[in-house]
C-alpha atoms as a PDB file:
ATOM      1  CA  MET A   1     -10.860  20.886   0.990  1.00  0.00           C
ATOM      2  CA  LEU A   2      -9.494  17.321   1.099  1.00  0.00           C
ATOM      3  CA  SER A   3     -11.677  14.677   2.633  1.00  0.00           C
ATOM      4  CA  ASP A   4     -10.174  12.218   5.029  1.00  0.00           C
ATOM      5  CA  GLU A   5     -10.408   9.543   2.504  1.00  0.00           C
ATOM      6  CA  TYR A   6      -8.322  11.403  -0.095  1.00  0.00           C
ATOM      7  CA  ARG A   7      -5.802  12.496   2.482  1.00  0.00           C
ATOM      8  CA  TYR A   8      -5.542   8.920   3.631  1.00  0.00           C
ATOM      9  CA  ARG A   9      -5.238   7.606   0.157  1.00  0.00           C
ATOM     10  CA  ILE A  10      -2.576  10.155  -0.912  1.00  0.00           C
ATOM     11  CA  LEU A  11      -0.427   9.915   2.156  1.00  0.00           C
ATOM     12  CA  LYS A  12      -0.584   6.153   1.936  1.00  0.00           C
ATOM     13  CA  HIS A  13       0.692   6.230  -1.754  1.00  0.00           C
ATOM     14  CA  LEU A  14       3.318   8.855  -0.978  1.00  0.00           C
ATOM     15  CA  GLU A  15       4.629   6.812   2.008  1.00  0.00           C
ATOM     16  CA  ALA A  16       4.870   3.747  -0.107  1.00  0.00           C
ATOM     17  CA  ASP A  17       6.360   5.420  -3.151  1.00  0.00           C
ATOM     18  CA  PRO A  18       7.819   8.917  -2.656  1.00  0.00           C
ATOM     19  CA  GLU A  19       9.007   9.107  -6.295  1.00  0.00           C
ATOM     20  CA  ILE A  20       5.500   8.553  -7.616  1.00  0.00           C
ATOM     21  CA  SER A  21       4.703  11.128 -10.299  1.00  0.00           C
ATOM     22  CA  GLN A  22       1.641  13.290 -10.134  1.00  0.00           C
ATOM     23  CA  ARG A  23       0.297  11.436 -13.229  1.00  0.00           C
ATOM     24  CA  GLU A  24       0.728   8.031 -11.609  1.00  0.00           C
ATOM     25  CA  LEU A  25      -0.828   9.318  -8.344  1.00  0.00           C
ATOM     26  CA  ALA A  26      -3.787  10.700 -10.256  1.00  0.00           C
ATOM     27  CA  LYS A  27      -4.259   7.306 -12.003  1.00  0.00           C
ATOM     28  CA  ALA A  28      -4.016   5.298  -8.889  1.00  0.00           C
ATOM     29  CA  LEU A  29      -6.603   7.442  -7.218  1.00  0.00           C
ATOM     30  CA  GLY A  30      -8.968   7.823 -10.168  1.00  0.00           C
ATOM     31  CA  ILE A  31      -8.796  11.516 -10.235  1.00  0.00           C
ATOM     32  CA  SER A  32      -7.640  14.139 -12.836  1.00  0.00           C
ATOM     33  CA  LEU A  33      -3.990  15.277 -12.880  1.00  0.00           C
ATOM     34  CA  GLY A  34      -5.081  18.739 -12.051  1.00  0.00           C
ATOM     35  CA  ARG A  35      -6.932  17.523  -8.909  1.00  0.00           C
ATOM     36  CA  ALA A  36      -3.829  15.465  -7.981  1.00  0.00           C
ATOM     37  CA  ASN A  37      -1.665  18.594  -8.300  1.00  0.00           C
ATOM     38  CA  TYR A  38      -4.086  20.670  -6.221  1.00  0.00           C
ATOM     39  CA  CYS A  39      -4.097  17.956  -3.457  1.00  0.00           C
ATOM     40  CA  LEU A  40      -0.373  17.708  -3.306  1.00  0.00           C
ATOM     41  CA  LYS A  41       0.035  21.516  -3.111  1.00  0.00           C
ATOM     42  CA  ALA A  42      -2.471  21.606  -0.285  1.00  0.00           C
ATOM     43  CA  LEU A  43      -0.637  18.937   1.612  1.00  0.00           C
ATOM     44  CA  ILE A  44       2.670  20.758   1.098  1.00  0.00           C
ATOM     45  CA  GLU A  45       1.122  24.040   2.239  1.00  0.00           C
ATOM     46  CA  ARG A  46      -0.127  22.360   5.405  1.00  0.00           C
ATOM     47  CA  GLY A  47       3.421  20.986   6.132  1.00  0.00           C
ATOM     48  CA  LEU A  48       2.378  17.314   5.717  1.00  0.00           C
ATOM     49  CA  VAL A  49       4.482  16.667   2.677  1.00  0.00           C
ATOM     50  CA  LYS A  50       7.821  17.981   1.462  1.00  0.00           C
ATOM     51  CA  ALA A  51       8.738  17.959  -2.231  1.00  0.00           C
ATOM     52  CA  ASN A  52      12.286  17.617  -3.350  1.00  0.00           C
ATOM     53  CA  ASN A  53      13.704  17.703  -6.859  1.00  0.00           C
ATOM     54  CA  PHE A  54      15.523  14.544  -7.911  1.00  0.00           C
ATOM     55  CA  ARG A  55      19.229  15.415  -7.787  1.00  0.00           C
ATOM     56  CA  ASN A  56      20.249  13.123 -10.617  1.00  0.00           C
ATOM     57  CA  SER A  57      17.324  13.346 -12.855  1.00  0.00           C
ATOM     58  CA  ASN A  58      17.330  14.569 -16.407  1.00  0.00           C
ATOM     59  CA  ASN A  59      13.665  15.576 -15.905  1.00  0.00           C
ATOM     60  CA  ARG A  60      13.808  18.707 -13.908  1.00  0.00           C
ATOM     61  CA  SER A  61      10.116  18.516 -13.043  1.00  0.00           C
ATOM     62  CA  ALA A  62      10.548  15.125 -11.235  1.00  0.00           C
ATOM     63  CA  TYR A  63       9.974  15.238  -7.611  1.00  0.00           C
ATOM     64  CA  ALA A  64      10.119  12.966  -4.663  1.00  0.00           C
ATOM     65  CA  TYR A  65       7.240  13.585  -2.090  1.00  0.00           C
ATOM     66  CA  TYR A  66       8.156  12.732   1.488  1.00  0.00           C
ATOM     67  CA  LEU A  67       5.876  12.789   4.469  1.00  0.00           C
ATOM     68  CA  THR A  68       7.017  15.149   7.242  1.00  0.00           C
ATOM     69  CA  PRO A  69       6.669  14.280  10.865  1.00  0.00           C
ATOM     70  CA  LYS A  70       3.497  16.188  10.943  1.00  0.00           C
ATOM     71  CA  GLY A  71       2.440  14.293   7.768  1.00  0.00           C
ATOM     72  CA  PHE A  72       2.964  10.870   9.554  1.00  0.00           C
ATOM     73  CA  GLU A  73       0.899  12.125  12.452  1.00  0.00           C
ATOM     74  CA  GLU A  74      -1.874  13.123  10.039  1.00  0.00           C
ATOM     75  CA  LYS A  75      -1.677   9.907   8.205  1.00  0.00           C
ATOM     76  CA  ALA A  76      -2.198   8.025  11.559  1.00  0.00           C
ATOM     77  CA  ARG A  77      -5.129  10.182  12.349  1.00  0.00           C
ATOM     78  CA  VAL A  78      -6.869   9.894   8.908  1.00  0.00           C
ATOM     79  CA  THR A  79      -6.182   6.192   8.987  1.00  0.00           C
ATOM     80  CA  VAL A  80      -8.156   5.760  12.061  1.00  0.00           C
ATOM     81  CA  ALA A  81     -11.036   8.024  10.860  1.00  0.00           C
ATOM     82  CA  PHE A  82     -11.010   6.233   7.432  1.00  0.00           C
ATOM     83  CA  LEU A  83     -11.180   2.885   9.244  1.00  0.00           C
ATOM     84  CA  ARG A  84     -14.034   4.035  11.480  1.00  0.00           C
ATOM     85  CA  HIS A  85     -15.907   5.270   8.479  1.00  0.00           C
ATOM     86  CA  LYS A  86     -15.489   2.146   6.492  1.00  0.00           C
ATOM     87  CA  LEU A  87     -16.505  -0.057   9.478  1.00  0.00           C
ATOM     88  CA  ALA A  88     -19.662   1.919   9.895  1.00  0.00           C
ATOM     89  CA  GLU A  89     -20.387   1.474   6.093  1.00  0.00           C
ATOM     90  CA  TYR A  90     -19.790  -2.300   6.480  1.00  0.00           C
ATOM     91  CA  GLU A  91     -22.069  -2.562   9.558  1.00  0.00           C
ATOM     92  CA  ALA A  92     -24.749  -0.691   7.721  1.00  0.00           C
ATOM     93  CA  LEU A  93     -24.439  -2.769   4.546  1.00  0.00           C
ATOM     94  CA  LYS A  94     -24.447  -5.905   6.764  1.00  0.00           C
ATOM     95  CA  CYS A  95     -27.676  -4.844   8.487  1.00  0.00           C
ATOM     96  CA  GLU A  96     -29.198  -4.104   5.013  1.00  0.00           C
ATOM     97  CA  ILE A  97     -28.247  -7.532   3.695  1.00  0.00           C
ATOM     98  CA  ASP A  98     -29.503  -9.322   6.729  1.00  0.00           C
ATOM     99  CA  SER A  99     -32.840  -7.580   6.397  1.00  0.00           C
ATOM    100  CA  LEU A 100     -33.112  -8.330   2.636  1.00  0.00           C
ATOM    101  CA  GLN A 101     -32.219 -12.029   3.260  1.00  0.00           C
ATOM    102  CA  SER A 102     -34.972 -12.257   5.946  1.00  0.00           C
ATOM    103  CA  GLU A 103     -37.489 -10.640   3.600  1.00  0.00           C
ATOM    104  CA  VAL A 104     -36.629 -13.007   0.803  1.00  0.00           C
ATOM    105  CA  LEU A 105     -36.591 -16.113   2.954  1.00  0.00           C
ATOM    106  CA  GLN A 106     -39.999 -15.089   4.537  1.00  0.00           C
ATOM    107  CA  LYS A 107     -41.531 -14.847   1.107  1.00  0.00           C
ATOM    108  CA  GLY A 108     -39.981 -18.234   0.131  1.00  0.00           C
ATOM    109  CA  LEU A 109     -38.068 -16.780  -2.719  1.00  0.00           C
ATOM    110  CA  LEU A 110     -34.639 -18.069  -1.618  1.00  0.00           C
ATOM    111  CA  GLU A 111     -33.499 -21.255   0.144  1.00  0.00           C
ATOM    112  CA  ARG A 112     -31.605 -20.829   3.352  1.00  0.00           C
ATOM    113  CA  PRO A 113     -27.821 -21.048   2.936  1.00  0.00           C
END
């Protein structure tokens, strides 16, 4: 199952560059080629992405990956979910940093900025 983060990142890359190869997508995401293939197949099966062969390509395995209308809706949904998740991470990290700074300042180990 794809996490919201992977769905977001994949759909974002495909929207920006429909002609991206699976190898390039895997490299951009920091995942294996096999996982990129698995993810794309899952998105195609769910009707979020459509794969078309390049018409004028000498490489018969070259595809263009297009987001379907359902894919655009899903991208919007996962973008909001991803943003909420990252904002929550940011707030937690900010609280932790504030707490650590207070602790260090109380012990006189660091001067106030």
